[in-house]
């Protein structure tokens, strides 16, 4: 029986690398896969790119208005698996559509993404929240903070200063240096100035 999987972790834990490894394993054994990502992830066009080098073209990029079930049932129903990068940017409705892919097309779906946004004080990412609610299997992929402890948070820094408010997606405008880091709770408090 096919399942919906959610594999999450802080930035830098190897989510995209693991997705590419799963795709390679299926294809090495003669199976087709469908690899997708959100169109809002513009840093590499239609490609998935890892920090250590491997990359791959996606089959398609989705927007918040796309019916992913319709797209897969029309053009990709012969695949052995659907793999999604940056799954936190799915809508709740799209996560439900992925469950339809599992239940009606009997295709396993593996979604990789962040569990929390950088604010960590609101509802977080809609797609991640829905995946945590309905996925058949949930797995945390781990990474470490700069201090050596387990990193669980994604922190946004603008010009070297921790920022805890703003939009989920912030495109670098060239005027400020925008970076993201995976950090632990202790370092988050340190950067926030909590004593």
N, C-alpha and C. Protein backbone atom coordinates (compact mmCIF):
# COMPACT_ATOMS: atom_id res chain seq x y z
N UNK A 1 0.84 -1.19 0.00
CA UNK A 1 0.00 0.00 0.00
C UNK A 1 0.88 1.25 0.00
N UNK A 2 0.57 2.20 -0.85
CA UNK A 2 1.32 3.45 -0.93
C UNK A 2 1.06 4.29 0.33
N UNK A 3 2.02 5.16 0.64
CA UNK A 3 1.92 6.02 1.81
C UNK A 3 2.36 7.43 1.47
N UNK A 4 1.95 8.38 2.33
CA UNK A 4 2.43 9.75 2.28
C UNK A 4 3.46 9.91 3.39
N UNK A 5 4.68 10.28 3.00
CA UNK A 5 5.78 10.44 3.93
C UNK A 5 6.13 11.92 4.05
N UNK A 6 6.47 12.35 5.26
CA UNK A 6 7.00 13.70 5.45
C UNK A 6 8.32 13.58 6.17
N UNK A 7 9.38 14.01 5.49
CA UNK A 7 10.71 14.01 6.06
C UNK A 7 11.11 15.46 6.23
N UNK A 8 11.29 15.88 7.50
CA UNK A 8 11.55 17.29 7.78
C UNK A 8 12.83 17.45 8.56
N UNK A 9 13.33 18.65 8.53
CA UNK A 9 14.50 18.97 9.34
C UNK A 9 14.87 20.42 9.13
N UNK A 10 15.76 20.90 9.98
CA UNK A 10 16.26 22.27 9.85
C UNK A 10 17.10 22.38 8.58
N UNK A 11 17.36 23.59 8.17
CA UNK A 11 18.16 23.82 6.98
C UNK A 11 19.51 23.13 7.10
N UNK A 12 19.98 22.59 6.00
CA UNK A 12 21.30 21.97 5.99
C UNK A 12 21.35 20.54 6.48
N UNK A 13 20.21 19.91 6.72
CA UNK A 13 20.22 18.54 7.23
C UNK A 13 20.29 17.50 6.11
N UNK A 14 20.24 17.94 4.86
CA UNK A 14 20.37 16.99 3.75
C UNK A 14 19.06 16.54 3.14
N UNK A 15 18.00 17.32 3.28
CA UNK A 15 16.71 16.91 2.73
C UNK A 15 16.76 16.72 1.21
N UNK A 16 17.30 17.70 0.51
CA UNK A 16 17.36 17.60 -0.95
C UNK A 16 18.30 16.49 -1.38
N UNK A 17 19.39 16.33 -0.68
CA UNK A 17 20.33 15.24 -1.00
C UNK A 17 19.66 13.89 -0.85
N UNK A 18 18.87 13.72 0.22
CA UNK A 18 18.18 12.45 0.42
C UNK A 18 17.13 12.23 -0.68
N UNK A 19 16.41 13.30 -1.05
CA UNK A 19 15.44 13.20 -2.14
C UNK A 19 16.13 12.73 -3.42
N UNK A 20 17.28 13.31 -3.75
CA UNK A 20 18.01 12.91 -4.96
C UNK A 20 18.48 11.46 -4.88
N UNK A 21 18.86 11.03 -3.69
CA UNK A 21 19.28 9.64 -3.51
C UNK A 21 18.11 8.68 -3.73
N UNK A 22 16.94 9.04 -3.22
CA UNK A 22 15.75 8.20 -3.43
C UNK A 22 15.42 8.13 -4.92
N UNK A 23 15.45 9.27 -5.61
CA UNK A 23 15.18 9.30 -7.05
C UNK A 23 16.18 8.41 -7.79
N UNK A 24 17.46 8.51 -7.44
CA UNK A 24 18.49 7.70 -8.07
C UNK A 24 18.23 6.21 -7.86
N UNK A 25 17.87 5.83 -6.63
CA UNK A 25 17.61 4.43 -6.32
C UNK A 25 16.47 3.87 -7.16
N UNK A 26 15.37 4.62 -7.27
CA UNK A 26 14.25 4.17 -8.11
C UNK A 26 14.68 4.04 -9.56
N UNK A 27 15.34 5.06 -10.07
CA UNK A 27 15.70 5.06 -11.50
C UNK A 27 16.76 4.02 -11.82
N UNK A 28 17.67 3.76 -10.89
CA UNK A 28 18.69 2.73 -11.11
C UNK A 28 18.04 1.36 -11.29
N UNK A 29 16.87 1.19 -10.70
CA UNK A 29 16.16 -0.09 -10.79
C UNK A 29 15.10 -0.08 -11.90
N UNK A 30 15.14 0.95 -12.76
CA UNK A 30 14.27 0.98 -13.93
C UNK A 30 12.91 1.61 -13.71
N UNK A 31 12.70 2.32 -12.61
CA UNK A 31 11.41 2.94 -12.32
C UNK A 31 11.46 4.44 -12.61
N UNK A 32 10.33 4.98 -13.04
CA UNK A 32 10.21 6.42 -13.25
C UNK A 32 9.76 7.09 -11.97
N UNK A 33 10.23 8.31 -11.75
CA UNK A 33 9.79 9.11 -10.61
C UNK A 33 9.35 10.47 -11.13
N UNK A 34 8.57 11.16 -10.32
CA UNK A 34 8.17 12.53 -10.61
C UNK A 34 8.73 13.40 -9.50
N UNK A 35 9.61 14.34 -9.86
CA UNK A 35 10.25 15.23 -8.89
C UNK A 35 9.70 16.63 -9.09
N UNK A 36 9.18 17.23 -8.01
CA UNK A 36 8.59 18.56 -8.12
C UNK A 36 9.07 19.47 -6.99
N UNK A 37 8.93 20.76 -7.21
CA UNK A 37 9.25 21.76 -6.19
C UNK A 37 8.37 22.98 -6.44
N UNK A 38 8.27 23.86 -5.46
CA UNK A 38 7.45 25.07 -5.64
C UNK A 38 8.11 26.06 -6.59
N UNK A 39 7.31 26.74 -7.38
CA UNK A 39 7.81 27.77 -8.30
C UNK A 39 8.42 28.94 -7.54
N UNK A 40 8.05 29.12 -6.27
CA UNK A 40 8.61 30.21 -5.47
C UNK A 40 10.08 29.99 -5.14
N UNK A 41 10.56 28.75 -5.29
CA UNK A 41 11.97 28.45 -5.06
C UNK A 41 12.72 28.79 -6.35
N UNK A 42 13.12 30.04 -6.48
CA UNK A 42 13.67 30.55 -7.73
C UNK A 42 15.19 30.50 -7.81
N UNK A 43 15.86 30.08 -6.75
CA UNK A 43 17.31 30.22 -6.72
C UNK A 43 18.03 29.38 -7.78
N UNK A 44 17.44 28.30 -8.26
CA UNK A 44 18.10 27.46 -9.25
C UNK A 44 17.19 27.15 -10.45
N UNK A 45 16.22 28.02 -10.71
CA UNK A 45 15.30 27.75 -11.83
C UNK A 45 14.51 26.49 -11.58
N UNK A 46 14.50 25.59 -12.55
CA UNK A 46 13.77 24.33 -12.43
C UNK A 46 14.60 23.21 -11.83
N UNK A 47 15.80 23.51 -11.38
CA UNK A 47 16.69 22.48 -10.85
C UNK A 47 16.62 22.39 -9.33
N UNK A 48 16.86 21.18 -8.85
CA UNK A 48 17.15 20.97 -7.43
C UNK A 48 18.66 20.92 -7.33
N UNK A 49 19.20 21.65 -6.39
CA UNK A 49 20.64 21.72 -6.22
C UNK A 49 20.97 21.54 -4.75
N UNK A 50 21.94 20.67 -4.47
CA UNK A 50 22.36 20.46 -3.09
C UNK A 50 23.59 21.32 -2.80
N UNK A 51 23.85 21.52 -1.53
CA UNK A 51 25.01 22.30 -1.12
C UNK A 51 26.32 21.60 -1.46
N UNK A 52 26.29 20.27 -1.62
CA UNK A 52 27.53 19.54 -1.90
C UNK A 52 27.67 19.16 -3.36
N UNK A 53 26.76 19.63 -4.22
CA UNK A 53 26.98 19.47 -5.65
C UNK A 53 25.91 18.79 -6.49
N UNK A 54 25.43 17.59 -6.12
CA UNK A 54 24.47 16.93 -7.01
C UNK A 54 23.26 17.81 -7.31
N UNK A 55 22.76 17.69 -8.53
CA UNK A 55 21.60 18.47 -8.95
C UNK A 55 20.74 17.63 -9.88
N UNK A 56 19.55 18.15 -10.16
CA UNK A 56 18.61 17.44 -11.03
C UNK A 56 17.53 18.40 -11.49
N UNK A 57 17.08 18.24 -12.72
CA UNK A 57 15.93 18.97 -13.23
C UNK A 57 14.66 18.42 -12.58
N UNK A 58 13.73 19.29 -12.27
CA UNK A 58 12.43 18.83 -11.77
C UNK A 58 11.54 18.47 -12.95
N UNK A 59 10.50 17.71 -12.68
CA UNK A 59 9.52 17.41 -13.72
C UNK A 59 8.57 18.59 -13.90
N UNK A 60 8.24 19.24 -12.79
CA UNK A 60 7.48 20.49 -12.88
C UNK A 60 7.58 21.24 -11.56
N UNK A 61 7.35 22.54 -11.65
CA UNK A 61 7.29 23.41 -10.47
C UNK A 61 5.84 23.82 -10.28
N UNK A 62 5.37 23.79 -9.06
CA UNK A 62 3.96 24.09 -8.79
C UNK A 62 3.80 25.46 -8.15
N UNK A 63 2.63 26.04 -8.40
CA UNK A 63 2.24 27.27 -7.72
C UNK A 63 1.15 26.93 -6.72
N UNK A 64 0.78 27.89 -5.88
CA UNK A 64 -0.27 27.65 -4.89
C UNK A 64 -1.63 27.37 -5.52
N UNK A 65 -1.81 27.74 -6.78
CA UNK A 65 -3.09 27.54 -7.47
C UNK A 65 -3.18 26.20 -8.20
N UNK A 66 -2.09 25.47 -8.30
CA UNK A 66 -2.07 24.22 -9.06
C UNK A 66 -2.78 23.10 -8.31
N UNK A 67 -3.51 22.28 -9.07
CA UNK A 67 -4.09 21.05 -8.54
C UNK A 67 -3.07 19.95 -8.81
N UNK A 68 -2.33 19.58 -7.81
CA UNK A 68 -1.24 18.62 -7.99
C UNK A 68 -1.79 17.23 -8.31
N UNK A 69 -2.90 16.86 -7.72
CA UNK A 69 -3.50 15.56 -8.04
C UNK A 69 -3.86 15.49 -9.52
N UNK A 70 -4.49 16.55 -10.04
CA UNK A 70 -4.87 16.57 -11.46
C UNK A 70 -3.63 16.46 -12.35
N UNK A 71 -2.61 17.20 -12.02
CA UNK A 71 -1.37 17.19 -12.82
C UNK A 71 -0.74 15.80 -12.84
N UNK A 72 -0.66 15.17 -11.69
CA UNK A 72 -0.04 13.84 -11.62
C UNK A 72 -0.92 12.80 -12.29
N UNK A 73 -2.23 12.86 -12.07
CA UNK A 73 -3.12 11.86 -12.67
C UNK A 73 -3.18 12.00 -14.20
N UNK A 74 -2.95 13.20 -14.71
CA UNK A 74 -2.97 13.41 -16.17
C UNK A 74 -1.64 13.06 -16.82
N UNK A 75 -0.53 13.41 -16.19
CA UNK A 75 0.77 13.30 -16.87
C UNK A 75 1.79 12.37 -16.22
N UNK A 76 1.55 11.94 -14.98
CA UNK A 76 2.58 11.17 -14.27
C UNK A 76 2.02 9.94 -13.56
N UNK A 77 0.89 9.41 -13.99
CA UNK A 77 0.30 8.28 -13.26
C UNK A 77 1.08 6.98 -13.45
N UNK A 78 2.09 6.99 -14.32
CA UNK A 78 2.91 5.79 -14.54
C UNK A 78 4.19 5.79 -13.69
N UNK A 79 4.33 6.75 -12.78
CA UNK A 79 5.55 6.81 -11.97
C UNK A 79 5.45 5.89 -10.76
N UNK A 80 6.61 5.51 -10.26
CA UNK A 80 6.68 4.64 -9.08
C UNK A 80 6.65 5.44 -7.79
N UNK A 81 6.95 6.75 -7.88
CA UNK A 81 7.03 7.57 -6.68
C UNK A 81 6.98 9.04 -7.06
N UNK A 82 6.38 9.87 -6.19
CA UNK A 82 6.40 11.32 -6.33
C UNK A 82 7.27 11.87 -5.21
N UNK A 83 8.23 12.72 -5.59
CA UNK A 83 9.17 13.30 -4.62
C UNK A 83 9.03 14.81 -4.66
N UNK A 84 8.84 15.43 -3.49
CA UNK A 84 8.60 16.87 -3.41
C UNK A 84 9.64 17.53 -2.54
N UNK A 85 10.32 18.55 -3.09
CA UNK A 85 11.28 19.33 -2.33
C UNK A 85 10.60 20.61 -1.86
N UNK A 86 11.04 21.16 -0.74
CA UNK A 86 10.47 22.40 -0.18
C UNK A 86 8.96 22.26 0.05
N UNK A 87 8.56 21.12 0.60
CA UNK A 87 7.14 20.79 0.77
C UNK A 87 6.41 21.73 1.72
N UNK A 88 7.14 22.48 2.53
CA UNK A 88 6.49 23.43 3.43
C UNK A 88 5.69 24.48 2.67
N UNK A 89 6.02 24.70 1.39
CA UNK A 89 5.33 25.71 0.60
C UNK A 89 4.06 25.19 -0.09
N UNK A 90 3.71 23.94 0.13
CA UNK A 90 2.42 23.42 -0.34
C UNK A 90 1.30 24.11 0.44
N UNK A 91 0.13 24.18 -0.15
CA UNK A 91 -1.04 24.60 0.62
C UNK A 91 -1.62 23.36 1.31
N UNK A 92 -2.47 23.57 2.30
CA UNK A 92 -3.13 22.44 2.96
C UNK A 92 -3.94 21.64 1.95
N UNK A 93 -4.58 22.33 1.03
CA UNK A 93 -5.37 21.65 -0.01
C UNK A 93 -4.48 20.79 -0.90
N UNK A 94 -3.30 21.28 -1.21
CA UNK A 94 -2.38 20.49 -2.04
C UNK A 94 -1.87 19.26 -1.30
N UNK A 95 -1.68 19.36 0.01
CA UNK A 95 -1.29 18.18 0.79
C UNK A 95 -2.42 17.16 0.72
N UNK A 96 -3.67 17.60 0.82
CA UNK A 96 -4.81 16.69 0.68
C UNK A 96 -4.83 16.07 -0.72
N UNK A 97 -4.43 16.83 -1.74
CA UNK A 97 -4.34 16.29 -3.09
C UNK A 97 -3.27 15.20 -3.18
N UNK A 98 -2.19 15.38 -2.45
CA UNK A 98 -1.15 14.35 -2.42
C UNK A 98 -1.66 13.07 -1.77
N UNK A 99 -2.51 13.23 -0.76
CA UNK A 99 -3.11 12.05 -0.15
C UNK A 99 -4.00 11.33 -1.16
N UNK A 100 -4.65 12.08 -2.04
CA UNK A 100 -5.44 11.46 -3.13
C UNK A 100 -4.53 10.70 -4.09
N UNK A 101 -3.34 11.24 -4.36
CA UNK A 101 -2.38 10.53 -5.22
C UNK A 101 -2.07 9.17 -4.59
N UNK A 102 -1.85 9.16 -3.29
CA UNK A 102 -1.55 7.92 -2.56
C UNK A 102 -2.75 6.98 -2.61
N UNK A 103 -3.93 7.49 -2.26
CA UNK A 103 -5.10 6.63 -2.12
C UNK A 103 -5.74 6.20 -3.44
N UNK A 104 -5.78 7.10 -4.43
CA UNK A 104 -6.49 6.80 -5.68
C UNK A 104 -5.57 6.29 -6.79
N UNK A 105 -4.31 6.70 -6.78
CA UNK A 105 -3.38 6.26 -7.82
C UNK A 105 -2.39 5.22 -7.30
N UNK A 106 -2.41 4.98 -5.99
CA UNK A 106 -1.52 4.02 -5.33
C UNK A 106 -0.04 4.33 -5.61
N UNK A 107 0.29 5.61 -5.57
CA UNK A 107 1.67 6.06 -5.78
C UNK A 107 2.18 6.63 -4.45
N UNK A 108 3.31 6.12 -3.94
CA UNK A 108 3.87 6.71 -2.73
C UNK A 108 4.34 8.14 -2.99
N UNK A 109 4.18 9.00 -1.99
CA UNK A 109 4.60 10.39 -2.08
C UNK A 109 5.54 10.66 -0.92
N UNK A 110 6.74 11.18 -1.24
CA UNK A 110 7.72 11.53 -0.22
C UNK A 110 7.95 13.03 -0.29
N UNK A 111 7.53 13.72 0.77
CA UNK A 111 7.64 15.17 0.85
C UNK A 111 8.76 15.54 1.80
N UNK A 112 9.65 16.42 1.35
CA UNK A 112 10.78 16.88 2.15
C UNK A 112 10.65 18.38 2.38
N UNK A 113 10.81 18.82 3.63
CA UNK A 113 10.68 20.24 3.87
C UNK A 113 11.00 20.64 5.30
N UNK A 114 10.82 21.92 5.55
CA UNK A 114 11.01 22.48 6.88
C UNK A 114 9.75 22.26 7.71
N UNK A 115 9.90 22.05 8.98
CA UNK A 115 8.76 21.93 9.89
C UNK A 115 8.34 23.31 10.38
N UNK A 116 9.31 24.17 10.67
CA UNK A 116 9.04 25.49 11.24
C UNK A 116 9.59 26.59 10.34
N UNK A 117 8.92 27.74 10.36
CA UNK A 117 9.50 28.91 9.68
C UNK A 117 10.44 29.62 10.65
N UNK A 118 11.06 30.69 10.20
CA UNK A 118 12.05 31.38 11.03
C UNK A 118 11.42 32.14 12.20
N UNK A 119 10.12 32.43 12.13
CA UNK A 119 9.49 33.19 13.22
C UNK A 119 9.28 32.33 14.46
N UNK A 120 8.91 31.09 14.26
CA UNK A 120 8.63 30.08 15.30
C UNK A 120 7.61 30.52 16.33
N UNK A 121 6.85 31.59 16.05
CA UNK A 121 5.86 32.06 17.02
C UNK A 121 4.44 32.04 16.47
N UNK A 122 4.28 31.62 15.22
CA UNK A 122 2.93 31.58 14.64
C UNK A 122 2.62 30.15 14.19
N UNK A 123 1.66 30.01 13.32
CA UNK A 123 1.26 28.69 12.86
C UNK A 123 2.29 28.03 11.96
N UNK A 124 3.31 28.76 11.54
CA UNK A 124 4.35 28.16 10.70
C UNK A 124 3.91 28.01 9.26
N UNK A 125 4.48 27.03 8.60
CA UNK A 125 4.17 26.78 7.20
C UNK A 125 2.90 25.94 7.07
N UNK A 126 2.01 26.39 6.22
CA UNK A 126 0.74 25.69 6.00
C UNK A 126 0.95 24.25 5.54
N UNK A 127 1.84 24.07 4.57
CA UNK A 127 2.08 22.73 4.03
C UNK A 127 2.67 21.79 5.07
N UNK A 128 3.64 22.26 5.83
CA UNK A 128 4.27 21.43 6.86
C UNK A 128 3.26 21.06 7.94
N UNK A 129 2.43 22.02 8.34
CA UNK A 129 1.43 21.75 9.37
C UNK A 129 0.47 20.65 8.92
N UNK A 130 0.00 20.74 7.68
CA UNK A 130 -0.93 19.73 7.18
C UNK A 130 -0.23 18.37 7.02
N UNK A 131 1.01 18.37 6.57
CA UNK A 131 1.75 17.10 6.46
C UNK A 131 1.92 16.46 7.83
N UNK A 132 2.22 17.26 8.85
CA UNK A 132 2.35 16.72 10.20
C UNK A 132 1.02 16.14 10.70
N UNK A 133 -0.09 16.69 10.21
CA UNK A 133 -1.41 16.20 10.63
C UNK A 133 -1.79 14.89 9.96
N UNK A 134 -1.46 14.70 8.67
CA UNK A 134 -2.03 13.56 7.95
C UNK A 134 -1.04 12.56 7.37
N UNK A 135 0.25 12.86 7.34
CA UNK A 135 1.21 11.92 6.73
C UNK A 135 1.18 10.58 7.47
N UNK A 136 1.34 9.52 6.70
CA UNK A 136 1.39 8.18 7.29
C UNK A 136 2.66 7.97 8.10
N UNK A 137 3.77 8.50 7.59
CA UNK A 137 5.04 8.37 8.29
C UNK A 137 5.75 9.72 8.32
N UNK A 138 6.28 10.07 9.49
CA UNK A 138 6.98 11.34 9.69
C UNK A 138 8.37 11.02 10.25
N UNK A 139 9.39 11.62 9.63
CA UNK A 139 10.76 11.37 10.06
C UNK A 139 11.51 12.69 10.15
N UNK A 140 12.24 12.87 11.25
CA UNK A 140 13.08 14.05 11.39
C UNK A 140 14.48 13.73 10.87
N UNK A 141 14.99 14.61 10.00
CA UNK A 141 16.37 14.52 9.54
C UNK A 141 17.15 15.53 10.37
N UNK A 142 18.26 15.12 10.93
CA UNK A 142 18.95 15.95 11.91
C UNK A 142 20.20 16.63 11.34
N UNK A 143 20.52 17.78 11.92
CA UNK A 143 21.75 18.49 11.64
C UNK A 143 22.21 19.16 12.92
N UNK A 144 23.38 19.81 12.88
CA UNK A 144 23.90 20.43 14.09
C UNK A 144 23.99 21.94 13.94
N UNK A 145 23.92 22.58 15.07
CA UNK A 145 24.07 24.02 15.19
C UNK A 145 25.56 24.38 15.14
N UNK A 146 25.84 25.64 14.96
CA UNK A 146 27.23 26.11 14.96
C UNK A 146 27.94 25.82 16.28
N UNK A 147 27.16 25.66 17.37
CA UNK A 147 27.76 25.38 18.68
C UNK A 147 27.97 23.88 18.90
N UNK A 148 27.47 23.05 17.99
CA UNK A 148 27.64 21.61 18.12
C UNK A 148 26.43 20.86 18.62
N UNK A 149 25.42 21.56 19.15
CA UNK A 149 24.18 20.91 19.61
C UNK A 149 23.26 20.66 18.42
N UNK A 150 22.23 19.87 18.65
CA UNK A 150 21.25 19.59 17.60
C UNK A 150 20.53 20.88 17.20
N UNK A 151 20.49 21.15 15.90
CA UNK A 151 19.78 22.33 15.38
C UNK A 151 18.33 21.94 15.09
N UNK A 152 17.41 22.73 15.60
CA UNK A 152 15.98 22.47 15.38
C UNK A 152 15.27 23.67 14.77
N UNK A 153 15.94 24.82 14.73
CA UNK A 153 15.31 26.06 14.27
C UNK A 153 15.98 26.58 13.01
N UNK A 154 15.20 27.30 12.21
CA UNK A 154 15.71 27.98 11.02
C UNK A 154 15.69 29.46 11.34
N UNK A 155 16.85 30.08 11.35
CA UNK A 155 16.94 31.49 11.74
C UNK A 155 17.28 32.34 10.52
N UNK A 156 16.59 33.49 10.42
CA UNK A 156 16.87 34.46 9.35
C UNK A 156 17.72 35.58 9.94
N UNK A 157 18.79 35.91 9.22
CA UNK A 157 19.67 37.01 9.60
C UNK A 157 19.70 38.02 8.46
N UNK A 158 19.54 39.28 8.79
CA UNK A 158 19.70 40.36 7.82
C UNK A 158 20.85 41.21 8.30
N UNK A 159 21.85 41.30 7.45
CA UNK A 159 23.09 42.02 7.79
C UNK A 159 23.65 41.54 9.13
N UNK A 160 23.61 40.22 9.35
CA UNK A 160 24.20 39.62 10.54
C UNK A 160 23.35 39.67 11.79
N UNK A 161 22.15 40.26 11.72
CA UNK A 161 21.29 40.39 12.90
C UNK A 161 20.08 39.46 12.77
N UNK A 162 19.79 38.71 13.84
CA UNK A 162 18.64 37.82 13.86
C UNK A 162 17.36 38.62 13.65
N UNK A 163 16.49 38.14 12.75
CA UNK A 163 15.21 38.77 12.48
C UNK A 163 14.12 37.75 12.81
N UNK A 164 13.11 38.17 13.57
CA UNK A 164 12.06 37.25 13.98
C UNK A 164 10.69 37.62 13.45
N UNK A 165 10.65 38.51 12.47
CA UNK A 165 9.37 38.89 11.86
C UNK A 165 9.60 39.16 10.38
N UNK A 166 8.51 39.05 9.61
CA UNK A 166 8.59 39.29 8.18
C UNK A 166 7.92 38.18 7.39
N UNK A 167 7.93 38.29 6.07
CA UNK A 167 7.26 37.29 5.23
C UNK A 167 8.03 35.97 5.22
N UNK A 168 7.33 34.87 4.92
CA UNK A 168 7.99 33.57 4.83
C UNK A 168 9.05 33.56 3.74
N UNK A 169 8.76 34.20 2.62
CA UNK A 169 9.69 34.24 1.50
C UNK A 169 10.23 35.66 1.38
N UNK A 170 11.55 35.77 1.42
CA UNK A 170 12.21 37.07 1.30
C UNK A 170 13.31 36.92 0.26
N UNK A 171 13.14 37.58 -0.86
CA UNK A 171 14.12 37.52 -1.94
C UNK A 171 15.20 38.56 -1.70
N UNK A 172 16.44 38.15 -1.88
CA UNK A 172 17.58 39.05 -1.69
C UNK A 172 17.51 40.18 -2.71
N UNK A 173 17.42 41.40 -2.22
CA UNK A 173 17.30 42.57 -3.11
C UNK A 173 18.64 43.23 -3.40
N UNK A 174 19.71 42.68 -2.85
CA UNK A 174 21.04 43.24 -3.07
C UNK A 174 21.39 44.37 -2.12
N UNK A 175 20.38 44.93 -1.43
CA UNK A 175 20.64 46.04 -0.51
C UNK A 175 21.08 45.53 0.87
N UNK A 176 20.63 44.35 1.23
CA UNK A 176 20.96 43.76 2.53
C UNK A 176 21.45 42.34 2.32
N UNK A 177 22.27 41.86 3.23
CA UNK A 177 22.71 40.48 3.17
C UNK A 177 21.71 39.63 3.97
N UNK A 178 21.00 38.74 3.27
CA UNK A 178 20.00 37.88 3.89
C UNK A 178 20.57 36.47 3.93
N UNK A 179 20.67 35.91 5.13
CA UNK A 179 21.15 34.54 5.27
C UNK A 179 20.23 33.77 6.21
N UNK A 180 20.27 32.47 6.09
CA UNK A 180 19.51 31.58 6.97
C UNK A 180 20.49 30.57 7.56
N UNK A 181 20.26 30.23 8.83
CA UNK A 181 21.11 29.26 9.50
C UNK A 181 20.25 28.33 10.35
N UNK A 182 20.67 27.09 10.42
CA UNK A 182 20.04 26.13 11.32
C UNK A 182 20.74 26.27 12.67
N UNK A 183 19.95 26.56 13.71
CA UNK A 183 20.53 26.77 15.04
C UNK A 183 19.70 26.06 16.11
N UNK A 184 20.28 25.95 17.30
CA UNK A 184 19.58 25.34 18.44
C UNK A 184 18.84 26.43 19.22
N UNK A 185 18.02 26.00 20.16
CA UNK A 185 17.27 26.95 21.00
C UNK A 185 18.20 27.88 21.78
N UNK A 186 19.28 27.33 22.30
CA UNK A 186 20.22 28.13 23.11
C UNK A 186 20.82 29.26 22.27
N UNK A 187 21.27 28.94 21.06
CA UNK A 187 21.86 29.97 20.20
C UNK A 187 20.80 30.96 19.72
N UNK A 188 19.56 30.48 19.51
CA UNK A 188 18.49 31.38 19.14
C UNK A 188 18.31 32.45 20.21
N UNK A 189 18.26 32.02 21.46
CA UNK A 189 18.11 32.98 22.57
C UNK A 189 19.31 33.91 22.66
N UNK A 190 20.51 33.38 22.42
CA UNK A 190 21.71 34.20 22.46
C UNK A 190 21.63 35.30 21.39
N UNK A 191 21.28 34.92 20.15
CA UNK A 191 21.19 35.91 19.08
C UNK A 191 20.04 36.89 19.32
N UNK A 192 18.99 36.43 19.98
CA UNK A 192 17.85 37.30 20.26
C UNK A 192 18.14 38.24 21.43
N UNK A 193 19.18 37.96 22.20
CA UNK A 193 19.54 38.81 23.32
C UNK A 193 18.84 38.43 24.61
N UNK A 194 18.30 37.19 24.68
CA UNK A 194 17.63 36.73 25.90
C UNK A 194 18.70 36.27 26.88
N UNK A 195 18.59 36.75 28.12
CA UNK A 195 19.58 36.37 29.14
C UNK A 195 18.98 35.44 30.14
